[in-house]
Protein backbone atom coordinates (compact mmCIF):
# COMPACT_ATOMS: atom_id res chain seq x y z
CA UNK A 1 -47.79 53.24 -13.30
CA UNK A 2 -45.22 50.44 -13.07
CA UNK A 3 -42.36 52.98 -13.00
CA UNK A 4 -44.05 54.62 -10.01
CA UNK A 5 -43.93 51.38 -8.02
CA UNK A 6 -40.33 50.68 -9.05
CA UNK A 7 -39.17 54.14 -7.88
CA UNK A 8 -41.20 54.18 -4.65
CA UNK A 9 -39.05 54.56 -1.55
CA UNK A 10 -40.72 53.14 1.55
CA UNK A 11 -39.79 53.99 5.12
CA UNK A 12 -40.95 52.12 8.24
CA UNK A 13 -44.23 54.07 8.46
CA UNK A 14 -45.06 53.28 4.82
CA UNK A 15 -44.30 49.59 5.28
CA UNK A 16 -46.52 49.36 8.35
CA UNK A 17 -49.29 51.26 6.56
CA UNK A 18 -49.20 48.99 3.52
CA UNK A 19 -49.15 45.88 5.72
CA UNK A 20 -52.16 47.05 7.76
CA UNK A 21 -54.11 48.09 4.67
CA UNK A 22 -53.40 44.86 2.83
CA UNK A 23 -54.38 42.69 5.79
CA UNK A 24 -57.59 44.72 6.14
CA UNK A 25 -58.34 44.17 2.45
CA UNK A 26 -57.78 40.41 2.82
CA UNK A 27 -59.99 40.27 5.92
CA UNK A 28 -62.78 42.18 4.20
CA UNK A 29 -62.63 39.99 1.11
CA UNK A 30 -62.97 36.91 3.30
CA UNK A 31 -65.94 38.41 5.20
CA UNK A 32 -67.83 39.66 2.10
CA UNK A 33 -67.67 43.38 2.78
CA UNK A 34 -69.79 45.90 0.89
CA UNK A 35 -68.78 48.23 -1.93
CA UNK A 36 -68.83 51.13 0.53
CA UNK A 37 -66.23 49.50 2.77
CA UNK A 38 -63.89 48.83 -0.14
CA UNK A 39 -64.53 52.35 -1.46
CA UNK A 40 -63.56 53.79 1.92
CA UNK A 41 -60.35 51.77 2.02
CA UNK A 42 -59.45 52.89 -1.49
CA UNK A 43 -60.03 56.50 -0.36
CA UNK A 44 -57.56 55.89 2.48
CA UNK A 45 -55.07 54.56 -0.06
CA UNK A 46 -55.61 57.67 -2.20
CA UNK A 47 -54.97 59.90 0.81
CA UNK A 48 -51.72 58.03 1.42
CA UNK A 49 -50.65 58.74 -2.18
CA UNK A 50 -51.43 62.44 -1.63
CA UNK A 51 -49.35 62.30 1.56
CA UNK A 52 -46.48 60.82 -0.46
CA UNK A 53 -46.84 63.59 -3.08
CA UNK A 54 -48.08 61.36 -5.91
CA UNK A 55 -51.06 63.46 -6.99
CA UNK A 56 -51.74 61.73 -10.31
CA UNK A 57 -51.69 58.25 -8.76
CA UNK A 58 -53.93 59.54 -5.96
CA UNK A 59 -56.39 60.95 -8.49
CA UNK A 60 -56.53 57.60 -10.27
CA UNK A 61 -57.11 55.88 -6.93
CA UNK A 62 -59.88 58.34 -6.05
CA UNK A 63 -61.56 57.63 -9.40
CA UNK A 64 -61.58 53.91 -8.57
CA UNK A 65 -63.20 54.68 -5.20
CA UNK A 66 -65.75 56.99 -6.85
CA UNK A 67 -66.63 54.21 -9.28
CA UNK A 68 -67.39 51.97 -6.32
CA UNK A 69 -69.64 54.65 -4.84
CA UNK A 70 -71.48 55.06 -8.18
CA UNK A 71 -72.05 51.29 -8.34
CA UNK A 72 -73.46 51.36 -4.83
CA UNK A 73 -75.72 54.31 -5.64
CA UNK A 74 -77.07 52.51 -8.70
CA UNK A 75 -77.66 49.30 -6.72
CA UNK A 76 -79.52 51.37 -4.10
CA UNK A 77 -81.65 53.00 -6.85
CA UNK A 78 -80.21 56.40 -5.92
CA UNK A 79 -79.95 57.86 -9.40
CA UNK A 80 -79.58 61.41 -8.10
CA UNK A 81 -76.60 60.38 -5.93
CA UNK A 82 -75.02 58.51 -8.85
CA UNK A 83 -75.45 61.62 -11.02
CA UNK A 84 -73.81 63.90 -8.44
CA UNK A 85 -70.90 61.51 -7.93
CA UNK A 86 -70.48 61.23 -11.72
CA UNK A 87 -70.36 65.03 -12.06
CA UNK A 88 -67.68 65.10 -9.34
CA UNK A 89 -65.74 62.42 -11.20
CA UNK A 90 -65.94 64.43 -14.43
CA UNK A 91 -64.64 67.53 -12.65
CA UNK A 92 -61.83 65.47 -11.10
CA UNK A 93 -60.83 64.12 -14.51
CA UNK A 94 -60.88 67.66 -15.92
CA UNK A 95 -58.73 68.98 -13.06
CA UNK A 96 -56.26 66.13 -13.52
CA UNK A 97 -56.00 66.90 -17.22
CA UNK A 98 -55.40 70.60 -16.47
CA UNK A 99 -52.65 69.64 -14.00
CA UNK A 100 -51.05 67.32 -16.53
CA UNK A 101 -50.88 69.93 -19.29
CA UNK A 102 -49.75 72.64 -16.86
CA UNK A 103 -52.70 75.05 -16.98
CA UNK A 104 -53.01 75.45 -13.21
CA UNK A 105 -51.49 78.49 -11.50
CA UNK A 106 -48.12 77.80 -9.92
CA UNK A 107 -48.90 79.61 -6.63
CA UNK A 108 -51.78 79.80 -4.21
CA UNK A 109 -52.71 83.42 -3.50
CA UNK A 110 -56.02 84.63 -2.13
């Protein structure tokens, strides 16, 4: 993970994006935002990693956001929602493992 940040090349768009996201995080921490707000911001960060082509880092980021959504579902006594999110997380972990060991098809054909 540290090597990823050392090798990351940032252009002007990336710098502006990181600045805006970090200031939003700081503002939300100071105003006591909910788990859902932080989960949404982490999803935005994950989408940025997908945009940059860092699929494994994006998957890790999405798992952090999903964990926040599970915590919120449990706090709200929505056990069914927590179960569905957990199943999605398990499938995401399985897909990431398959990508890492190279068992996915190399092309997309219908």
